[in-house]
N, C-alpha and C. Protein backbone atom coordinates (compact mmCIF):
# COMPACT_ATOMS: atom_id res chain seq x y z
N MET A 1 -17.32 1.78 13.55
CA MET A 1 -15.90 1.46 13.38
C MET A 1 -15.11 1.91 14.61
N SER A 2 -14.23 1.04 15.12
CA SER A 2 -13.42 1.38 16.27
C SER A 2 -12.37 2.41 15.89
N ARG A 3 -11.76 3.02 16.92
CA ARG A 3 -10.70 4.00 16.64
C ARG A 3 -9.53 3.35 15.93
N ARG A 4 -9.23 2.10 16.31
CA ARG A 4 -8.13 1.40 15.65
C ARG A 4 -8.46 1.12 14.19
N GLY A 5 -9.71 0.69 13.95
CA GLY A 5 -10.13 0.43 12.58
C GLY A 5 -10.17 1.70 11.75
N HIS A 6 -10.55 2.80 12.41
CA HIS A 6 -10.59 4.09 11.74
C HIS A 6 -9.19 4.51 11.29
N LEU A 7 -8.21 4.36 12.18
CA LEU A 7 -6.83 4.71 11.84
C LEU A 7 -6.29 3.80 10.75
N THR A 8 -6.63 2.51 10.83
CA THR A 8 -6.17 1.56 9.81
C THR A 8 -6.71 1.94 8.44
N ARG A 9 -7.98 2.32 8.39
CA ARG A 9 -8.56 2.73 7.11
C ARG A 9 -7.83 3.95 6.56
N ARG A 10 -7.55 4.89 7.40
CA ARG A 10 -6.85 6.10 6.95
C ARG A 10 -5.46 5.78 6.41
N LEU A 11 -4.75 4.90 7.10
CA LEU A 11 -3.41 4.52 6.65
C LEU A 11 -3.45 3.78 5.32
N VAL A 12 -4.44 2.88 5.17
CA VAL A 12 -4.58 2.15 3.91
C VAL A 12 -4.88 3.12 2.77
N GLN A 13 -5.77 4.09 3.05
CA GLN A 13 -6.08 5.09 2.03
C GLN A 13 -4.86 5.93 1.67
N LEU A 14 -4.11 6.32 2.69
CA LEU A 14 -2.93 7.14 2.45
C LEU A 14 -1.94 6.43 1.54
N TYR A 15 -1.52 5.24 1.94
CA TYR A 15 -0.46 4.56 1.19
C TYR A 15 -0.98 3.96 -0.12
N GLY A 16 -2.23 3.51 -0.12
CA GLY A 16 -2.82 3.05 -1.38
C GLY A 16 -2.95 4.20 -2.37
N GLY A 17 -3.37 5.36 -1.88
CA GLY A 17 -3.51 6.52 -2.74
C GLY A 17 -2.18 7.00 -3.29
N LEU A 18 -1.15 7.03 -2.45
CA LEU A 18 0.16 7.48 -2.91
C LEU A 18 0.76 6.51 -3.93
N ALA A 19 0.60 5.20 -3.68
CA ALA A 19 1.10 4.21 -4.64
C ALA A 19 0.36 4.33 -5.97
N LEU A 20 -0.96 4.51 -5.90
CA LEU A 20 -1.76 4.66 -7.12
C LEU A 20 -1.39 5.94 -7.85
N TYR A 21 -1.05 6.98 -7.10
CA TYR A 21 -0.64 8.24 -7.73
C TYR A 21 0.61 8.03 -8.59
N GLY A 22 1.59 7.34 -8.00
CA GLY A 22 2.81 7.08 -8.75
C GLY A 22 2.56 6.22 -9.97
N ALA A 23 1.72 5.19 -9.81
CA ALA A 23 1.43 4.29 -10.92
C ALA A 23 0.67 5.02 -12.03
N SER A 24 -0.30 5.85 -11.66
CA SER A 24 -1.09 6.57 -12.66
C SER A 24 -0.23 7.59 -13.41
N SER A 25 0.69 8.22 -12.70
CA SER A 25 1.61 9.15 -13.36
C SER A 25 2.51 8.43 -14.36
N ALA A 26 2.89 7.20 -14.03
CA ALA A 26 3.71 6.41 -14.94
C ALA A 26 2.94 6.09 -16.23
N LEU A 27 1.63 5.88 -16.12
CA LEU A 27 0.83 5.65 -17.33
C LEU A 27 0.85 6.86 -18.25
N LEU A 28 0.82 8.05 -17.66
CA LEU A 28 0.90 9.27 -18.47
C LEU A 28 2.27 9.38 -19.14
N VAL A 29 3.31 8.96 -18.44
CA VAL A 29 4.64 8.96 -19.05
C VAL A 29 4.65 8.03 -20.27
N ARG A 30 4.11 6.83 -20.10
CA ARG A 30 4.13 5.84 -21.17
C ARG A 30 3.21 6.22 -22.33
N SER A 31 2.22 7.06 -22.08
CA SER A 31 1.32 7.48 -23.16
C SER A 31 2.03 8.37 -24.17
N GLY A 32 2.98 9.18 -23.68
CA GLY A 32 3.69 10.09 -24.56
C GLY A 32 2.88 11.27 -25.05
N LEU A 33 1.70 11.49 -24.46
CA LEU A 33 0.83 12.58 -24.92
C LEU A 33 0.85 13.78 -23.99
N GLY A 34 1.70 13.77 -22.99
CA GLY A 34 1.77 14.92 -22.08
C GLY A 34 1.61 14.51 -20.63
N LEU A 35 2.30 15.23 -19.76
CA LEU A 35 2.34 14.90 -18.33
C LEU A 35 1.70 15.98 -17.49
N GLU A 36 1.50 15.66 -16.21
CA GLU A 36 1.08 16.66 -15.24
C GLU A 36 2.18 17.72 -15.13
N PRO A 37 1.83 18.94 -14.71
CA PRO A 37 2.83 20.03 -14.68
C PRO A 37 4.13 19.69 -13.97
N TRP A 38 4.07 19.19 -12.74
CA TRP A 38 5.30 18.90 -12.01
C TRP A 38 6.09 17.77 -12.66
N ASN A 39 5.39 16.81 -13.25
CA ASN A 39 6.12 15.70 -13.87
C ASN A 39 6.77 16.09 -15.19
N VAL A 40 6.30 17.17 -15.82
CA VAL A 40 7.05 17.71 -16.96
C VAL A 40 8.44 18.12 -16.49
N LEU A 41 8.49 18.78 -15.33
CA LEU A 41 9.78 19.17 -14.75
C LEU A 41 10.60 17.95 -14.36
N HIS A 42 9.96 16.99 -13.70
CA HIS A 42 10.69 15.79 -13.26
C HIS A 42 11.27 15.03 -14.46
N GLN A 43 10.48 14.92 -15.52
CA GLN A 43 10.97 14.21 -16.70
C GLN A 43 12.13 14.97 -17.35
N GLY A 44 12.01 16.29 -17.43
CA GLY A 44 13.09 17.08 -17.99
C GLY A 44 14.38 16.94 -17.21
N LEU A 45 14.27 16.97 -15.89
CA LEU A 45 15.46 16.80 -15.05
C LEU A 45 16.03 15.39 -15.18
N ALA A 46 15.14 14.39 -15.30
CA ALA A 46 15.61 13.02 -15.48
C ALA A 46 16.38 12.88 -16.80
N GLU A 47 15.89 13.55 -17.84
CA GLU A 47 16.57 13.50 -19.14
C GLU A 47 17.98 14.11 -19.03
N ARG A 48 18.10 15.17 -18.26
CA ARG A 48 19.37 15.88 -18.16
C ARG A 48 20.37 15.20 -17.22
N THR A 49 19.85 14.53 -16.19
CA THR A 49 20.74 13.98 -15.17
C THR A 49 21.02 12.49 -15.36
N GLY A 50 20.16 11.80 -16.09
CA GLY A 50 20.33 10.36 -16.24
C GLY A 50 19.74 9.57 -15.09
N LEU A 51 19.14 10.26 -14.11
CA LEU A 51 18.48 9.58 -12.99
C LEU A 51 17.10 9.10 -13.41
N SER A 52 16.56 8.13 -12.67
CA SER A 52 15.20 7.69 -12.96
C SER A 52 14.22 8.81 -12.62
N MET A 53 13.10 8.80 -13.28
CA MET A 53 12.12 9.86 -13.06
C MET A 53 11.57 9.82 -11.63
N GLY A 54 11.38 8.62 -11.11
CA GLY A 54 10.88 8.49 -9.74
C GLY A 54 11.87 9.04 -8.73
N LEU A 55 13.16 8.81 -8.97
CA LEU A 55 14.18 9.33 -8.06
C LEU A 55 14.22 10.85 -8.12
N VAL A 56 14.11 11.40 -9.32
CA VAL A 56 14.07 12.85 -9.45
C VAL A 56 12.87 13.42 -8.72
N LEU A 57 11.71 12.77 -8.87
CA LEU A 57 10.51 13.22 -8.15
C LEU A 57 10.75 13.26 -6.66
N THR A 58 11.41 12.23 -6.14
CA THR A 58 11.68 12.17 -4.70
C THR A 58 12.63 13.27 -4.26
N VAL A 59 13.69 13.49 -5.03
CA VAL A 59 14.68 14.52 -4.69
C VAL A 59 14.04 15.91 -4.74
N VAL A 60 13.26 16.17 -5.78
CA VAL A 60 12.59 17.47 -5.89
C VAL A 60 11.59 17.65 -4.75
N GLY A 61 10.87 16.59 -4.42
CA GLY A 61 9.92 16.67 -3.31
C GLY A 61 10.61 17.01 -2.00
N ALA A 62 11.77 16.40 -1.76
CA ALA A 62 12.53 16.70 -0.55
C ALA A 62 13.02 18.14 -0.55
N ALA A 63 13.47 18.61 -1.72
CA ALA A 63 13.94 20.00 -1.83
C ALA A 63 12.81 20.98 -1.58
N VAL A 64 11.63 20.69 -2.13
CA VAL A 64 10.48 21.55 -1.91
C VAL A 64 10.09 21.56 -0.43
N LEU A 65 10.21 20.40 0.20
CA LEU A 65 9.89 20.31 1.62
C LEU A 65 10.79 21.21 2.46
N LEU A 66 12.04 21.37 2.06
CA LEU A 66 12.95 22.26 2.77
C LEU A 66 12.46 23.71 2.70
N LEU A 67 11.76 24.05 1.62
CA LEU A 67 11.24 25.40 1.48
C LEU A 67 10.10 25.69 2.45
N TRP A 68 9.56 24.63 3.05
CA TRP A 68 8.52 24.82 4.07
C TRP A 68 9.07 25.52 5.30
N ILE A 69 10.37 25.38 5.55
CA ILE A 69 10.94 25.92 6.79
C ILE A 69 10.76 27.43 6.87
N PRO A 70 11.21 28.22 5.88
CA PRO A 70 10.98 29.66 5.97
C PRO A 70 9.51 30.04 5.84
N LEU A 71 8.70 29.15 5.23
CA LEU A 71 7.28 29.44 5.08
C LEU A 71 6.48 29.03 6.32
N ARG A 72 7.17 28.40 7.28
CA ARG A 72 6.56 27.99 8.55
C ARG A 72 5.39 27.03 8.36
N GLN A 73 5.53 26.13 7.41
CA GLN A 73 4.56 25.08 7.22
C GLN A 73 4.97 23.85 8.02
N ARG A 74 3.99 23.09 8.49
CA ARG A 74 4.29 21.92 9.32
C ARG A 74 3.93 20.62 8.57
N PRO A 75 4.91 19.78 8.30
CA PRO A 75 4.62 18.52 7.59
C PRO A 75 3.94 17.51 8.49
N GLY A 76 3.19 16.62 7.87
CA GLY A 76 2.58 15.51 8.57
C GLY A 76 3.08 14.20 8.02
N LEU A 77 2.54 13.10 8.50
CA LEU A 77 2.93 11.78 8.02
C LEU A 77 2.70 11.69 6.51
N GLY A 78 1.59 12.24 6.04
CA GLY A 78 1.28 12.19 4.62
C GLY A 78 2.28 12.97 3.78
N THR A 79 2.82 14.04 4.34
CA THR A 79 3.78 14.87 3.62
C THR A 79 5.07 14.09 3.37
N VAL A 80 5.60 13.49 4.41
CA VAL A 80 6.84 12.72 4.29
C VAL A 80 6.62 11.48 3.44
N SER A 81 5.49 10.81 3.64
CA SER A 81 5.18 9.61 2.86
C SER A 81 5.03 9.95 1.38
N ASN A 82 4.47 11.11 1.10
CA ASN A 82 4.32 11.58 -0.27
C ASN A 82 5.68 11.62 -0.98
N VAL A 83 6.67 12.16 -0.29
CA VAL A 83 8.02 12.27 -0.87
C VAL A 83 8.60 10.88 -1.15
N LEU A 84 8.38 9.94 -0.27
CA LEU A 84 9.03 8.64 -0.35
C LEU A 84 8.30 7.62 -1.23
N VAL A 85 6.97 7.65 -1.23
CA VAL A 85 6.21 6.56 -1.86
C VAL A 85 5.94 6.80 -3.34
N ILE A 86 5.57 8.01 -3.72
CA ILE A 86 5.13 8.24 -5.10
C ILE A 86 6.24 7.94 -6.11
N GLY A 87 7.44 8.43 -5.85
CA GLY A 87 8.54 8.18 -6.77
C GLY A 87 8.87 6.71 -6.91
N ALA A 88 8.85 5.99 -5.79
CA ALA A 88 9.14 4.54 -5.83
C ALA A 88 8.06 3.81 -6.63
N ALA A 89 6.80 4.18 -6.41
CA ALA A 89 5.70 3.54 -7.15
C ALA A 89 5.78 3.86 -8.64
N MET A 90 6.18 5.08 -8.96
CA MET A 90 6.32 5.45 -10.37
C MET A 90 7.41 4.61 -11.04
N ASP A 91 8.58 4.53 -10.42
CA ASP A 91 9.67 3.74 -11.02
C ASP A 91 9.30 2.27 -11.15
N ALA A 92 8.60 1.73 -10.16
CA ALA A 92 8.19 0.33 -10.21
C ALA A 92 7.24 0.09 -11.37
N THR A 93 6.32 1.02 -11.59
CA THR A 93 5.36 0.88 -12.70
C THR A 93 6.05 1.06 -14.04
N LEU A 94 6.95 2.02 -14.14
CA LEU A 94 7.68 2.24 -15.39
C LEU A 94 8.53 1.02 -15.76
N ALA A 95 8.95 0.27 -14.76
CA ALA A 95 9.79 -0.90 -15.01
C ALA A 95 9.01 -2.04 -15.66
N VAL A 96 7.69 -2.06 -15.47
CA VAL A 96 6.90 -3.19 -15.98
C VAL A 96 5.92 -2.80 -17.08
N VAL A 97 5.62 -1.52 -17.23
CA VAL A 97 4.68 -1.07 -18.26
C VAL A 97 5.46 -0.45 -19.42
N PRO A 98 5.32 -1.01 -20.62
CA PRO A 98 6.06 -0.47 -21.78
C PRO A 98 5.39 0.78 -22.34
N ASP A 99 6.10 1.47 -23.22
CA ASP A 99 5.52 2.61 -23.92
C ASP A 99 4.32 2.16 -24.75
N ALA A 100 3.32 3.04 -24.82
CA ALA A 100 2.16 2.75 -25.67
C ALA A 100 2.51 3.09 -27.12
N HIS A 101 2.12 2.20 -28.06
CA HIS A 101 2.39 2.42 -29.48
C HIS A 101 1.06 2.45 -30.23
N GLY A 102 0.87 3.45 -31.03
CA GLY A 102 -0.40 3.61 -31.72
C GLY A 102 -1.29 4.55 -30.94
N LEU A 103 -2.12 5.30 -31.67
CA LEU A 103 -2.94 6.33 -31.02
C LEU A 103 -3.95 5.77 -30.03
N PRO A 104 -4.70 4.70 -30.35
CA PRO A 104 -5.69 4.20 -29.37
C PRO A 104 -5.07 3.81 -28.02
N PRO A 105 -3.97 3.03 -27.99
CA PRO A 105 -3.36 2.72 -26.69
C PRO A 105 -2.85 3.96 -25.96
N ARG A 106 -2.33 4.92 -26.69
CA ARG A 106 -1.82 6.14 -26.05
C ARG A 106 -2.95 6.94 -25.43
N ILE A 107 -4.08 7.01 -26.14
CA ILE A 107 -5.24 7.70 -25.58
C ILE A 107 -5.75 6.95 -24.35
N ALA A 108 -5.79 5.61 -24.44
CA ALA A 108 -6.27 4.80 -23.30
C ALA A 108 -5.38 5.02 -22.08
N PHE A 109 -4.07 5.04 -22.27
CA PHE A 109 -3.14 5.28 -21.17
C PHE A 109 -3.36 6.67 -20.57
N THR A 110 -3.59 7.65 -21.43
CA THR A 110 -3.80 9.02 -20.94
C THR A 110 -5.06 9.11 -20.11
N VAL A 111 -6.16 8.58 -20.63
CA VAL A 111 -7.44 8.65 -19.91
C VAL A 111 -7.35 7.87 -18.60
N ALA A 112 -6.78 6.66 -18.66
CA ALA A 112 -6.66 5.85 -17.44
C ALA A 112 -5.76 6.55 -16.42
N GLY A 113 -4.66 7.13 -16.90
CA GLY A 113 -3.75 7.81 -15.99
C GLY A 113 -4.41 8.98 -15.28
N ILE A 114 -5.18 9.77 -16.02
CA ILE A 114 -5.82 10.95 -15.42
C ILE A 114 -6.91 10.54 -14.43
N VAL A 115 -7.75 9.58 -14.82
CA VAL A 115 -8.83 9.15 -13.93
C VAL A 115 -8.27 8.51 -12.65
N LEU A 116 -7.28 7.63 -12.81
CA LEU A 116 -6.67 6.99 -11.64
C LEU A 116 -5.92 8.00 -10.78
N ASN A 117 -5.35 9.03 -11.41
CA ASN A 117 -4.68 10.08 -10.65
C ASN A 117 -5.70 10.84 -9.80
N GLY A 118 -6.87 11.09 -10.38
CA GLY A 118 -7.93 11.73 -9.61
C GLY A 118 -8.38 10.88 -8.43
N ALA A 119 -8.51 9.56 -8.66
CA ALA A 119 -8.88 8.65 -7.58
C ALA A 119 -7.80 8.63 -6.50
N ALA A 120 -6.54 8.61 -6.92
CA ALA A 120 -5.43 8.60 -5.97
C ALA A 120 -5.42 9.87 -5.13
N THR A 121 -5.69 10.99 -5.78
CA THR A 121 -5.74 12.27 -5.06
C THR A 121 -6.83 12.24 -4.01
N GLY A 122 -8.01 11.75 -4.38
CA GLY A 122 -9.09 11.65 -3.41
C GLY A 122 -8.76 10.74 -2.25
N LEU A 123 -8.09 9.62 -2.54
CA LEU A 123 -7.73 8.67 -1.49
C LEU A 123 -6.79 9.28 -0.47
N TYR A 124 -5.67 9.84 -0.94
CA TYR A 124 -4.66 10.26 0.04
C TYR A 124 -5.02 11.57 0.73
N ILE A 125 -5.73 12.46 0.05
CA ILE A 125 -6.13 13.70 0.72
C ILE A 125 -7.22 13.43 1.74
N ALA A 126 -8.18 12.55 1.39
CA ALA A 126 -9.27 12.24 2.31
C ALA A 126 -8.77 11.53 3.56
N ALA A 127 -7.59 10.92 3.49
CA ALA A 127 -7.03 10.26 4.67
C ALA A 127 -6.62 11.26 5.75
N ARG A 128 -6.41 12.51 5.38
CA ARG A 128 -6.15 13.61 6.32
C ARG A 128 -4.87 13.41 7.15
N PHE A 129 -3.77 13.11 6.47
CA PHE A 129 -2.48 13.02 7.15
C PHE A 129 -1.54 14.16 6.76
N GLY A 130 -2.08 15.20 6.17
CA GLY A 130 -1.26 16.33 5.79
C GLY A 130 -1.07 16.42 4.29
N PRO A 131 -0.86 17.62 3.76
CA PRO A 131 -0.71 17.83 2.32
C PRO A 131 0.64 17.37 1.80
N GLY A 132 0.72 17.22 0.48
CA GLY A 132 1.99 16.91 -0.15
C GLY A 132 2.91 18.13 -0.11
N PRO A 133 4.20 17.92 -0.35
CA PRO A 133 5.16 19.04 -0.26
C PRO A 133 4.85 20.17 -1.22
N ARG A 134 4.38 19.86 -2.42
CA ARG A 134 4.10 20.91 -3.40
C ARG A 134 2.84 21.68 -3.03
N ASP A 135 1.87 20.99 -2.43
CA ASP A 135 0.68 21.68 -1.91
C ASP A 135 1.07 22.68 -0.82
N GLY A 136 1.95 22.22 0.07
CA GLY A 136 2.37 23.08 1.18
C GLY A 136 3.14 24.31 0.69
N LEU A 137 3.93 24.12 -0.36
CA LEU A 137 4.63 25.26 -0.95
C LEU A 137 3.62 26.28 -1.45
N MET A 138 2.60 25.81 -2.13
CA MET A 138 1.58 26.69 -2.68
C MET A 138 0.83 27.45 -1.58
N THR A 139 0.35 26.71 -0.59
CA THR A 139 -0.42 27.37 0.46
C THR A 139 0.47 28.25 1.34
N GLY A 140 1.73 27.84 1.52
CA GLY A 140 2.65 28.66 2.30
C GLY A 140 2.92 30.00 1.62
N LEU A 141 3.14 29.96 0.30
CA LEU A 141 3.35 31.20 -0.43
C LEU A 141 2.09 32.07 -0.42
N HIS A 142 0.95 31.42 -0.49
CA HIS A 142 -0.32 32.15 -0.41
C HIS A 142 -0.43 32.91 0.92
N LEU A 143 -0.10 32.23 2.00
CA LEU A 143 -0.21 32.86 3.32
C LEU A 143 0.82 33.96 3.52
N ARG A 144 2.03 33.77 2.99
CA ARG A 144 3.10 34.75 3.20
C ARG A 144 3.00 35.95 2.28
N THR A 145 2.45 35.75 1.07
CA THR A 145 2.40 36.86 0.11
C THR A 145 1.06 37.57 0.08
N GLY A 146 0.01 36.89 0.54
CA GLY A 146 -1.32 37.47 0.47
C GLY A 146 -1.97 37.30 -0.89
N LEU A 147 -1.27 36.68 -1.84
CA LEU A 147 -1.84 36.42 -3.15
C LEU A 147 -2.83 35.25 -3.07
N SER A 148 -3.75 35.20 -4.01
CA SER A 148 -4.75 34.13 -3.99
C SER A 148 -4.09 32.79 -4.26
N VAL A 149 -4.72 31.71 -3.75
CA VAL A 149 -4.23 30.36 -4.00
C VAL A 149 -4.20 30.09 -5.50
N ARG A 150 -5.24 30.53 -6.20
CA ARG A 150 -5.30 30.29 -7.64
C ARG A 150 -4.12 30.94 -8.36
N LEU A 151 -3.82 32.18 -7.99
CA LEU A 151 -2.72 32.89 -8.65
C LEU A 151 -1.38 32.23 -8.33
N VAL A 152 -1.17 31.88 -7.07
CA VAL A 152 0.09 31.25 -6.68
C VAL A 152 0.25 29.91 -7.38
N ARG A 153 -0.82 29.11 -7.37
CA ARG A 153 -0.76 27.80 -8.01
C ARG A 153 -0.48 27.93 -9.51
N THR A 154 -1.17 28.86 -10.16
CA THR A 154 -0.97 29.07 -11.60
C THR A 154 0.46 29.48 -11.89
N ALA A 155 0.99 30.40 -11.09
CA ALA A 155 2.36 30.87 -11.32
C ALA A 155 3.36 29.74 -11.14
N ILE A 156 3.18 28.93 -10.09
CA ILE A 156 4.09 27.81 -9.85
C ILE A 156 4.04 26.82 -11.00
N GLU A 157 2.83 26.48 -11.45
CA GLU A 157 2.70 25.45 -12.45
C GLU A 157 3.18 25.92 -13.83
N ILE A 158 2.96 27.18 -14.15
CA ILE A 158 3.50 27.71 -15.40
C ILE A 158 5.02 27.65 -15.36
N THR A 159 5.58 27.99 -14.20
CA THR A 159 7.04 27.97 -14.06
C THR A 159 7.61 26.57 -14.22
N VAL A 160 6.99 25.58 -13.55
CA VAL A 160 7.54 24.22 -13.63
C VAL A 160 7.32 23.61 -15.01
N VAL A 161 6.19 23.90 -15.64
CA VAL A 161 5.95 23.37 -16.99
C VAL A 161 6.94 23.97 -17.98
N ALA A 162 7.12 25.29 -17.92
CA ALA A 162 8.04 25.94 -18.86
C ALA A 162 9.47 25.45 -18.65
N THR A 163 9.89 25.33 -17.38
CA THR A 163 11.24 24.85 -17.10
C THR A 163 11.42 23.41 -17.56
N GLY A 164 10.42 22.58 -17.24
CA GLY A 164 10.49 21.18 -17.64
C GLY A 164 10.50 21.00 -19.15
N PHE A 165 9.71 21.81 -19.85
CA PHE A 165 9.67 21.72 -21.31
C PHE A 165 11.02 22.07 -21.92
N VAL A 166 11.64 23.13 -21.40
CA VAL A 166 12.96 23.54 -21.90
C VAL A 166 13.99 22.43 -21.65
N LEU A 167 13.83 21.70 -20.55
CA LEU A 167 14.77 20.63 -20.21
C LEU A 167 14.50 19.34 -20.98
N GLY A 168 13.35 19.27 -21.65
CA GLY A 168 13.04 18.07 -22.42
C GLY A 168 11.83 17.31 -21.96
N GLY A 169 11.06 17.84 -21.02
CA GLY A 169 9.84 17.19 -20.55
C GLY A 169 8.75 17.24 -21.61
N THR A 170 7.79 16.30 -21.51
CA THR A 170 6.74 16.17 -22.51
C THR A 170 5.51 17.00 -22.15
N VAL A 171 5.17 17.95 -23.02
CA VAL A 171 3.96 18.75 -22.88
C VAL A 171 3.09 18.45 -24.09
N GLY A 172 1.82 18.15 -23.85
CA GLY A 172 0.95 17.82 -24.97
C GLY A 172 -0.50 17.89 -24.58
N VAL A 173 -1.33 17.22 -25.37
CA VAL A 173 -2.76 17.26 -25.12
C VAL A 173 -3.10 16.65 -23.75
N GLY A 174 -2.30 15.69 -23.32
CA GLY A 174 -2.53 15.08 -22.01
C GLY A 174 -2.34 16.08 -20.88
N THR A 175 -1.38 17.00 -21.06
CA THR A 175 -1.15 18.04 -20.06
C THR A 175 -2.37 18.94 -19.94
N LEU A 176 -2.93 19.34 -21.07
CA LEU A 176 -4.12 20.19 -21.07
C LEU A 176 -5.32 19.46 -20.50
N LEU A 177 -5.51 18.20 -20.92
CA LEU A 177 -6.64 17.42 -20.42
C LEU A 177 -6.54 17.23 -18.92
N TYR A 178 -5.33 16.98 -18.43
CA TYR A 178 -5.12 16.84 -16.99
C TYR A 178 -5.51 18.13 -16.27
N ALA A 179 -5.07 19.26 -16.80
CA ALA A 179 -5.30 20.55 -16.15
C ALA A 179 -6.78 20.85 -15.99
N VAL A 180 -7.59 20.49 -16.99
CA VAL A 180 -9.01 20.85 -16.94
C VAL A 180 -9.86 19.81 -16.22
N SER A 181 -9.35 18.59 -16.06
CA SER A 181 -10.18 17.53 -15.49
C SER A 181 -9.81 17.10 -14.09
N ILE A 182 -8.57 17.36 -13.65
CA ILE A 182 -8.14 16.81 -12.36
C ILE A 182 -8.92 17.40 -11.19
N GLY A 183 -9.27 18.68 -11.26
CA GLY A 183 -10.03 19.30 -10.19
C GLY A 183 -11.39 18.64 -9.98
N PRO A 184 -12.22 18.58 -11.03
CA PRO A 184 -13.52 17.90 -10.88
C PRO A 184 -13.39 16.44 -10.47
N LEU A 185 -12.43 15.73 -11.05
CA LEU A 185 -12.25 14.33 -10.68
C LEU A 185 -11.88 14.18 -9.21
N ALA A 186 -10.94 14.98 -8.76
CA ALA A 186 -10.52 14.90 -7.36
C ALA A 186 -11.68 15.21 -6.43
N GLN A 187 -12.52 16.17 -6.80
CA GLN A 187 -13.66 16.51 -5.96
C GLN A 187 -14.62 15.33 -5.82
N VAL A 188 -14.87 14.65 -6.93
CA VAL A 188 -15.74 13.47 -6.90
C VAL A 188 -15.16 12.40 -5.99
N PHE A 189 -13.88 12.12 -6.16
CA PHE A 189 -13.26 11.04 -5.38
C PHE A 189 -13.03 11.44 -3.93
N LEU A 190 -12.86 12.72 -3.64
CA LEU A 190 -12.78 13.16 -2.25
C LEU A 190 -14.07 12.83 -1.52
N ARG A 191 -15.20 13.03 -2.17
CA ARG A 191 -16.49 12.69 -1.56
C ARG A 191 -16.63 11.18 -1.42
N ALA A 192 -16.20 10.45 -2.45
CA ALA A 192 -16.35 8.99 -2.45
C ALA A 192 -15.51 8.34 -1.35
N PHE A 193 -14.32 8.89 -1.07
CA PHE A 193 -13.40 8.27 -0.12
C PHE A 193 -13.34 9.01 1.22
N ALA A 194 -14.28 9.91 1.46
CA ALA A 194 -14.28 10.65 2.72
C ALA A 194 -14.32 9.70 3.91
N VAL A 195 -13.47 9.96 4.89
CA VAL A 195 -13.39 9.12 6.08
C VAL A 195 -14.24 9.74 7.18
N PRO A 196 -15.19 8.99 7.76
CA PRO A 196 -15.99 9.54 8.85
C PRO A 196 -15.12 9.91 10.04
N SER A 197 -15.63 10.78 10.88
CA SER A 197 -14.89 11.17 12.08
C SER A 197 -14.66 9.97 12.97
N SER A 198 -13.54 10.00 13.67
CA SER A 198 -13.19 8.90 14.57
C SER A 198 -14.17 8.83 15.73
N PRO A 199 -14.64 7.63 16.09
CA PRO A 199 -15.52 7.50 17.24
C PRO A 199 -14.79 7.85 18.53
N GLY A 200 -15.46 8.59 19.38
CA GLY A 200 -14.87 8.93 20.67
C GLY A 200 -13.84 10.02 20.59
N GLY A 201 -13.88 10.80 19.51
CA GLY A 201 -12.92 11.90 19.41
C GLY A 201 -12.00 11.71 18.23
N SER A 202 -11.28 12.73 17.89
CA SER A 202 -10.38 12.69 16.73
C SER A 202 -9.08 12.01 17.08
N THR A 203 -8.51 11.37 16.07
CA THR A 203 -7.18 10.76 16.21
C THR A 203 -6.20 11.67 15.51
N VAL A 204 -5.50 12.47 16.23
CA VAL A 204 -4.61 13.46 15.63
C VAL A 204 -3.26 12.82 15.34
N VAL A 205 -2.92 12.71 14.07
CA VAL A 205 -1.64 12.16 13.67
C VAL A 205 -0.82 13.21 12.96
N ALA A 206 -1.49 14.13 12.32
CA ALA A 206 -0.79 15.20 11.62
C ALA A 206 -1.62 16.45 11.70
N THR A 207 -0.98 17.57 11.81
CA THR A 207 -1.69 18.82 11.87
C THR A 207 -1.42 19.62 10.62
N GLY A 208 -2.30 20.53 10.34
CA GLY A 208 -2.12 21.38 9.16
C GLY A 208 -3.42 22.03 8.79
N ARG A 209 -3.37 23.10 8.06
CA ARG A 209 -4.56 23.81 7.67
C ARG A 209 -5.31 23.02 6.62
N PRO A 210 -6.67 22.91 6.71
CA PRO A 210 -7.41 22.15 5.73
C PRO A 210 -7.16 22.61 4.31
N ARG A 211 -6.96 23.92 4.11
CA ARG A 211 -6.76 24.40 2.75
C ARG A 211 -5.41 23.96 2.19
N GLY A 212 -4.59 23.32 3.03
CA GLY A 212 -3.30 22.82 2.53
C GLY A 212 -3.45 21.62 1.63
N ALA A 213 -4.61 20.96 1.71
CA ALA A 213 -4.80 19.74 0.94
C ALA A 213 -5.51 20.07 -0.36
N ILE A 214 -4.79 20.63 -1.30
CA ILE A 214 -5.39 21.02 -2.57
C ILE A 214 -4.59 20.42 -3.72
N LEU A 215 -4.86 19.16 -4.00
CA LEU A 215 -4.24 18.50 -5.13
C LEU A 215 -2.73 18.58 -5.19
N ARG A 216 -2.22 17.96 -6.18
CA ARG A 216 -0.81 17.96 -6.55
C ARG A 216 0.09 17.38 -5.50
N ARG A 217 0.96 16.55 -6.03
CA ARG A 217 1.80 15.83 -5.11
C ARG A 217 3.03 16.59 -4.75
């Protein structure tokens, strides 16, 4: 594969993965059985403000990105694209996919949403254009506090889930299923969508620590 073809593949993976992430998250919304931790917060804020959930996701992502400044994290193309694309894809999907009615369709939406979310995570992280804003917040706090990534991530997600639930976000069996399955799924899809090294040297488009790419948009 030529260097140009290599870059094209990475860009397709990045934007395809981000769009799929937004669409898969919308399926979890329509299932009504529980959302990913950050989307519990986004849904709660959307309920309180009257804004669309995708717009809230974008605004929160931009606000989190501002927190990178004191943490001395460096955004890449993937970081900025994450803020802009996922929310738009979520709103577009919510506009055409109705709520699921009846337990079988709700379960199907939940399972499809989680599996596709794992695939989306593998796609955009494997493209190597930089972590999402929430990933950078996690790794930045880890580096500045000396606390483990696991502890920082757990603390952040408990905080956003609790806040989102109080605001009216949906927490349910889907939230628990997502929490226990997204890691293994993402690992599988990261291997499946791994991009080989660029011929003739690396194509540097974004910089950042490899450990910055750890799930979550």
